[in-house]
């Protein structure tokens, strides 16, 4: 099996290393700069506690060398949202009619509302402004994915795995399929806790429901998640935004049965951790605001659900990002 990981950061590195170590796949990576250099020198490296695990990798530059890898069986996209448009337009040589494309990314993907009323074939402009992603990656190749793992990069090409090996995979249109079952088997044998979902859109929306508030609020305050939940005013604001998102989900076939307080209780068990967006702020990387917040507001407008709290959250975080050079002007 030929597999290429695009984006060898925390999640991409974890996926790449475990797939390579399992020995079932020939795993390549597309990366840039210091990460590309580190992969070429050291291969995959994942640290868990004091244990460092490695595996070999063939590493190439995504814009210069993708064509040399040839058509793949599986392409895993693990880049940050702001980089996806450029990456999508460069990976055509990797894709054949049977290639599976697995976006292991945060937030709402570009394909999420395809075929869903009232969107039809309309694109989500928040996450695919020019339609370049949808044009470059055929929906027929896509498998939906949700990642439940916590990891960070302490140095280029070095992943610090904190907790979790959870992956949810499923057909974008719902239902079961043989190709999802095969993919779930490959990932399971690589050591992941995999669920093959009959409704991966709901799984994506449920994860977003928590990340929608925790990520941006932690980014603009610098606070770990436990401190956000311990502040009654911040907690109430997050709950109000989550109720708006739940109302949107009910209009697009992603109804959530829990209350915000139910979700806060689950999140609180994780303790004092830094969200991925806070990690990006501290590392001076662009923030993934559009796939987590802008797109929720966009969907809300299309289904006529008022979003005053989500609007305030988007405005504050967007301005924070622009002031600090982490979000486009």
Protein backbone atom coordinates (compact mmCIF):
# COMPACT_ATOMS: atom_id res chain seq x y z
CA UNK A 1 0.00 0.00 0.00
CA UNK A 2 1.36 3.42 -0.97
CA UNK A 3 0.60 6.18 1.51
CA UNK A 4 1.61 9.84 1.49
CA UNK A 5 1.27 12.14 4.49
CA UNK A 6 0.94 15.81 3.57
CA UNK A 7 1.90 17.93 6.55
CA UNK A 8 4.32 16.17 8.90
CA UNK A 9 3.44 18.15 12.01
CA UNK A 10 2.00 16.75 15.22
CA UNK A 11 -0.90 14.68 13.85
CA UNK A 12 0.69 13.98 10.47
CA UNK A 13 3.87 12.82 12.17
CA UNK A 14 1.97 10.54 14.54
CA UNK A 15 0.00 8.97 11.70
CA UNK A 16 3.04 8.63 9.47
CA UNK A 17 5.26 7.04 12.08
CA UNK A 18 2.71 4.46 13.21
CA UNK A 19 1.73 3.50 9.65
CA UNK A 20 5.39 3.13 8.68
CA UNK A 21 6.26 1.16 11.82
CA UNK A 22 3.37 -1.25 11.22
CA UNK A 23 5.10 -2.36 8.01
CA UNK A 24 1.93 -2.64 5.95
CA UNK A 25 2.50 0.51 3.89
CA UNK A 26 5.21 2.34 2.00
CA UNK A 27 4.87 5.75 3.65
CA UNK A 28 6.09 9.01 2.14
CA UNK A 29 5.83 12.55 3.44
CA UNK A 30 5.43 15.93 1.80
CA UNK A 31 6.89 18.68 3.99
CA UNK A 32 8.81 21.93 3.79
CA UNK A 33 11.71 23.80 5.32
CA UNK A 34 13.15 22.58 8.60
CA UNK A 35 10.58 19.78 8.87
CA UNK A 36 11.58 18.39 5.48
CA UNK A 37 15.26 18.55 6.45
CA UNK A 38 14.59 16.80 9.77
CA UNK A 39 12.60 14.00 8.13
CA UNK A 40 15.34 13.40 5.62
CA UNK A 41 17.95 13.25 8.37
CA UNK A 42 16.09 11.36 11.11
CA UNK A 43 12.96 9.80 9.58
CA UNK A 44 9.72 9.74 11.56
CA UNK A 45 10.18 10.45 15.28
CA UNK A 46 7.51 10.32 17.99
CA UNK A 47 8.23 10.85 21.67
CA UNK A 48 5.88 9.57 24.35
CA UNK A 49 7.12 10.33 27.83
CA UNK A 50 10.76 9.28 27.80
CA UNK A 51 10.31 6.81 24.93
CA UNK A 52 11.38 7.85 21.42
CA UNK A 53 10.13 5.76 18.50
CA UNK A 54 11.21 6.15 14.90
CA UNK A 55 10.61 4.79 11.43
CA UNK A 56 12.09 5.51 7.97
CA UNK A 57 10.37 7.85 5.55
CA UNK A 58 10.81 9.10 2.01
CA UNK A 59 10.36 12.87 2.32
CA UNK A 60 9.75 15.34 -0.50
CA UNK A 61 8.70 18.96 -1.04
CA UNK A 62 4.95 19.26 -1.83
CA UNK A 63 5.25 21.85 -4.58
CA UNK A 64 8.43 20.53 -6.20
CA UNK A 65 8.47 16.76 -5.84
CA UNK A 66 4.90 15.48 -5.45
CA UNK A 67 4.84 14.17 -9.01
CA UNK A 68 7.83 11.91 -8.35
CA UNK A 69 5.85 9.82 -5.83
CA UNK A 70 3.23 8.69 -8.34
CA UNK A 71 -0.39 7.73 -7.70
CA UNK A 72 -1.04 6.71 -4.09
CA UNK A 73 -3.53 4.37 -2.45
CA UNK A 74 -4.03 6.76 0.47
CA UNK A 75 -3.27 10.46 0.86
CA UNK A 76 -3.58 11.85 4.38
CA UNK A 77 -3.83 15.63 4.56
CA UNK A 78 -2.70 16.93 7.94
CA UNK A 79 -1.85 20.56 7.20
CA UNK A 80 -3.27 23.61 8.95
CA UNK A 81 -6.39 25.03 7.33
CA UNK A 82 -4.75 28.19 5.91
CA UNK A 83 -2.32 26.03 3.87
CA UNK A 84 -4.89 23.72 2.33
CA UNK A 85 -5.72 25.67 -0.84
CA UNK A 86 -2.11 25.73 -2.03
CA UNK A 87 -1.55 22.10 -1.06
CA UNK A 88 -4.74 20.89 -2.75
CA UNK A 89 -3.79 22.38 -6.08
CA UNK A 90 -0.38 20.65 -5.97
CA UNK A 91 -1.36 17.06 -5.15
CA UNK A 92 -3.04 16.11 -8.41
CA UNK A 93 -0.20 13.72 -9.40
CA UNK A 94 -0.87 11.67 -6.25
CA UNK A 95 -4.53 11.07 -7.04
CA UNK A 96 -5.95 8.26 -9.12
CA UNK A 97 -9.58 7.10 -9.43
CA UNK A 98 -9.24 4.78 -6.42
CA UNK A 99 -7.02 6.97 -4.23
CA UNK A 100 -8.50 7.64 -0.80
CA UNK A 101 -8.04 11.18 0.52
CA UNK A 102 -8.27 11.45 4.31
CA UNK A 103 -8.27 15.03 5.66
CA UNK A 104 -7.03 14.67 9.26
CA UNK A 105 -7.65 18.32 10.07
CA UNK A 106 -9.45 20.52 12.56
CA UNK A 107 -12.90 21.94 12.00
CA UNK A 108 -15.45 21.80 9.20
CA UNK A 109 -14.03 20.49 5.89
CA UNK A 110 -14.75 22.04 2.50
CA UNK A 111 -17.11 19.22 1.47
CA UNK A 112 -19.26 19.28 4.63
CA UNK A 113 -22.46 20.81 3.18
CA UNK A 114 -22.35 19.28 -0.31
CA UNK A 115 -25.82 17.97 -1.07
CA UNK A 116 -27.24 19.35 2.18
CA UNK A 117 -30.21 21.73 2.01
CA UNK A 118 -30.06 24.66 1.40
CA UNK A 119 -26.50 24.37 0.06
CA UNK A 120 -26.83 21.83 -2.75
CA UNK A 121 -23.63 22.18 -4.77
CA UNK A 122 -22.70 25.56 -3.28
CA UNK A 123 -19.29 25.71 -1.63
CA UNK A 124 -18.47 26.91 1.87
CA UNK A 125 -16.66 30.12 1.07
CA UNK A 126 -15.15 30.38 4.55
CA UNK A 127 -13.01 27.30 3.99
CA UNK A 128 -12.82 27.18 0.18
CA UNK A 129 -13.07 30.83 -0.94
CA UNK A 130 -12.30 30.32 -4.63
CA UNK A 131 -13.50 26.72 -4.94
CA UNK A 132 -9.94 25.56 -5.60
CA UNK A 133 -9.99 22.79 -2.98
CA UNK A 134 -13.23 21.25 -4.20
CA UNK A 135 -12.02 21.47 -7.78
CA UNK A 136 -8.67 19.81 -7.01
CA UNK A 137 -9.88 16.99 -4.76
CA UNK A 138 -12.86 15.01 -6.13
CA UNK A 139 -15.45 14.33 -3.44
CA UNK A 140 -15.61 10.73 -4.65
CA UNK A 141 -12.06 10.22 -3.32
CA UNK A 142 -12.70 11.71 0.13
CA UNK A 143 -13.17 9.83 3.38
CA UNK A 144 -14.31 11.93 6.35
CA UNK A 145 -12.11 11.86 9.43
CA UNK A 146 -12.11 13.02 13.04
CA UNK A 147 -8.92 12.85 15.11
CA UNK A 148 -9.08 12.39 18.87
CA UNK A 149 -5.43 12.67 19.84
CA UNK A 150 -3.31 15.28 21.56
CA UNK A 151 0.18 15.92 20.20
CA UNK A 152 2.59 18.78 19.61
CA UNK A 153 5.89 19.36 17.81
CA UNK A 154 8.72 20.30 20.15
CA UNK A 155 11.18 20.53 17.23
CA UNK A 156 10.91 20.12 13.44
CA UNK A 157 10.02 16.53 12.67
CA UNK A 158 9.73 15.56 16.35
CA UNK A 159 6.25 14.77 17.66
CA UNK A 160 5.43 14.83 21.37
CA UNK A 161 2.41 12.55 21.75
CA UNK A 162 0.42 13.47 24.85
CA UNK A 163 -2.64 11.24 24.77
CA UNK A 164 -5.14 9.45 22.58
CA UNK A 165 -5.09 7.33 19.44
CA UNK A 166 -8.71 7.87 18.42
CA UNK A 167 -9.75 8.10 14.77
CA UNK A 168 -13.25 8.19 13.32
CA UNK A 169 -13.58 7.55 9.58
CA UNK A 170 -16.63 7.46 7.34
CA UNK A 171 -18.18 8.20 4.00
CA UNK A 172 -18.98 11.91 3.51
CA UNK A 173 -22.52 11.00 2.45
CA UNK A 174 -23.06 8.60 5.33
CA UNK A 175 -23.64 4.86 5.42
CA UNK A 176 -21.22 1.95 5.45
CA UNK A 177 -18.78 0.99 2.70
CA UNK A 178 -16.15 -1.64 1.99
CA UNK A 179 -13.44 0.98 1.43
CA UNK A 180 -14.04 2.56 4.83
CA UNK A 181 -13.83 -0.86 6.47
CA UNK A 182 -10.53 -1.58 4.68
CA UNK A 183 -9.10 1.77 5.73
CA UNK A 184 -10.26 1.27 9.31
CA UNK A 185 -8.43 -2.07 9.33
CA UNK A 186 -5.17 -0.54 8.11
CA UNK A 187 -5.32 2.19 10.74
CA UNK A 188 -6.26 -0.25 13.48
CA UNK A 189 -3.31 -2.47 12.68
CA UNK A 190 -1.11 0.65 12.94
CA UNK A 191 -2.20 1.02 16.55
CA UNK A 192 -5.07 3.50 16.36
CA UNK A 193 -8.45 3.19 18.08
CA UNK A 194 -10.65 3.38 14.99
CA UNK A 195 -14.39 3.74 14.62
CA UNK A 196 -15.99 3.31 11.20
CA UNK A 197 -18.90 5.74 11.40
CA UNK A 198 -22.17 5.64 9.47
CA UNK A 199 -22.56 9.42 10.05
CA UNK A 200 -19.15 11.06 10.07
CA UNK A 201 -20.69 14.52 9.53
CA UNK A 202 -22.27 14.28 12.98
CA UNK A 203 -18.93 13.18 14.47
CA UNK A 204 -17.22 16.17 12.83
CA UNK A 205 -19.88 18.60 14.10
CA UNK A 206 -19.75 17.16 17.62
CA UNK A 207 -15.99 17.67 17.89
CA UNK A 208 -16.35 21.15 16.41
CA UNK A 209 -19.03 21.93 19.01
CA UNK A 210 -16.36 21.93 21.70
CA UNK A 211 -13.47 23.34 19.67
CA UNK A 212 -15.58 26.23 18.39
CA UNK A 213 -15.19 28.05 21.72
CA UNK A 214 -12.31 26.44 23.59
CA UNK A 215 -9.77 27.02 20.82
CA UNK A 216 -10.30 30.73 20.09
CA UNK A 217 -11.02 31.78 23.68
CA UNK A 218 -7.84 30.08 24.86
CA UNK A 219 -5.92 31.69 21.99
CA UNK A 220 -6.95 35.26 22.81
CA UNK A 221 -6.63 34.86 26.60
CA UNK A 222 -3.56 32.62 26.76
CA UNK A 223 -5.39 30.44 29.30
CA UNK A 224 -5.39 26.67 29.52
CA UNK A 225 -8.76 24.97 29.17
CA UNK A 226 -9.25 24.34 32.88
CA UNK A 227 -9.02 28.06 33.60
CA UNK A 228 -11.61 28.86 30.92
CA UNK A 229 -14.07 26.42 32.44
CA UNK A 230 -13.38 27.64 35.98
CA UNK A 231 -14.39 31.21 35.11
CA UNK A 232 -18.21 31.41 35.34
CA UNK A 233 -18.55 34.34 32.91
CA UNK A 234 -16.30 32.76 30.28
CA UNK A 235 -18.01 29.41 30.72
CA UNK A 236 -21.44 31.01 30.26
CA UNK A 237 -20.31 32.81 27.09
CA UNK A 238 -18.95 29.56 25.66
CA UNK A 239 -22.21 27.79 26.50
CA UNK A 240 -24.24 30.47 24.72
CA UNK A 241 -22.14 30.11 21.56
CA UNK A 242 -22.46 26.34 21.75
CA UNK A 243 -26.25 26.57 21.96
CA UNK A 244 -26.19 28.58 18.73
CA UNK A 245 -24.00 25.94 17.06
CA UNK A 246 -26.31 23.18 18.28
CA UNK A 247 -29.28 24.98 16.71
CA UNK A 248 -27.37 25.19 13.41
CA UNK A 249 -26.50 21.50 13.60
CA UNK A 250 -30.16 20.59 14.03
CA UNK A 251 -30.91 22.34 10.72
CA UNK A 252 -28.25 20.45 8.73
CA UNK A 253 -28.75 16.91 9.99
CA UNK A 254 -26.21 17.07 12.83
CA UNK A 255 -28.40 17.32 15.91
CA UNK A 256 -26.53 17.18 19.23
CA UNK A 257 -28.35 15.65 22.18
CA UNK A 258 -26.00 16.87 24.93
CA UNK A 259 -26.14 20.22 26.71
CA UNK A 260 -23.12 22.54 26.79
CA UNK A 261 -22.65 21.64 30.46
CA UNK A 262 -22.49 17.96 29.52
CA UNK A 263 -19.70 18.75 27.09
CA UNK A 264 -17.88 20.99 29.57
CA UNK A 265 -17.83 18.09 32.04
CA UNK A 266 -16.12 15.89 29.43
CA UNK A 267 -13.62 18.61 28.52
CA UNK A 268 -12.81 19.30 32.18
CA UNK A 269 -11.48 15.74 32.56
CA UNK A 270 -8.57 16.67 30.27
CA UNK A 271 -7.24 19.10 32.87
CA UNK A 272 -4.84 21.96 32.21
CA UNK A 273 -4.06 21.57 28.53
CA UNK A 274 -3.36 24.04 25.75
CA UNK A 275 -5.64 24.05 22.75
CA UNK A 276 -4.14 23.66 19.29
CA UNK A 277 -4.94 27.29 18.50
CA UNK A 278 -3.15 28.51 21.63
CA UNK A 279 -0.15 26.39 20.62
CA UNK A 280 -0.24 28.07 17.20
CA UNK A 281 -0.34 31.53 18.78
CA UNK A 282 2.63 30.74 21.01
CA UNK A 283 4.56 29.41 18.01
CA UNK A 284 3.58 32.46 15.88
CA UNK A 285 1.78 30.26 13.35
CA UNK A 286 -1.40 31.31 11.47
CA UNK A 287 -4.55 30.43 13.40
CA UNK A 288 -7.19 28.05 12.02
CA UNK A 289 -10.07 30.43 12.66
CA UNK A 290 -12.09 29.94 9.48
CA UNK A 291 -12.61 26.16 9.75
CA UNK A 292 -13.59 26.45 13.42
CA UNK A 293 -15.61 29.66 13.69
CA UNK A 294 -16.10 31.58 10.40
CA UNK A 295 -17.67 28.56 8.74
CA UNK A 296 -20.14 28.05 11.59
CA UNK A 297 -21.31 31.64 11.20
CA UNK A 298 -21.59 31.13 7.43
CA UNK A 299 -23.71 28.00 7.81
CA UNK A 300 -25.84 29.75 10.43
CA UNK A 301 -26.58 32.58 8.02
CA UNK A 302 -27.60 30.12 5.30
CA UNK A 303 -30.03 28.26 7.58
CA UNK A 304 -31.32 31.45 9.28
CA UNK A 305 -30.04 30.77 12.80
CA UNK A 306 -28.96 33.97 14.62
CA UNK A 307 -25.40 33.75 16.00
CA UNK A 308 -24.69 36.86 18.12
CA UNK A 309 -22.27 35.06 20.45
CA UNK A 310 -20.45 33.28 17.64
CA UNK A 311 -20.26 36.62 15.82
CA UNK A 312 -18.63 38.24 18.86
CA UNK A 313 -16.21 35.34 19.21
CA UNK A 314 -15.25 35.56 15.54
CA UNK A 315 -14.79 39.33 15.64
CA UNK A 316 -12.61 39.29 18.74
CA UNK A 317 -10.42 36.40 17.59
CA UNK A 318 -10.10 37.73 14.05
CA UNK A 319 -8.96 41.12 15.34
CA UNK A 320 -6.53 39.44 17.75
CA UNK A 321 -5.11 37.42 14.87
CA UNK A 322 -4.72 40.46 12.62
CA UNK A 323 -3.05 42.55 15.32
CA UNK A 324 -0.53 39.75 15.91
CA UNK A 325 0.00 38.89 12.23
CA UNK A 326 -1.65 35.45 12.56
CA UNK A 327 -4.73 36.03 10.38
CA UNK A 328 -5.05 37.78 7.00
CA UNK A 329 -5.92 41.49 6.94
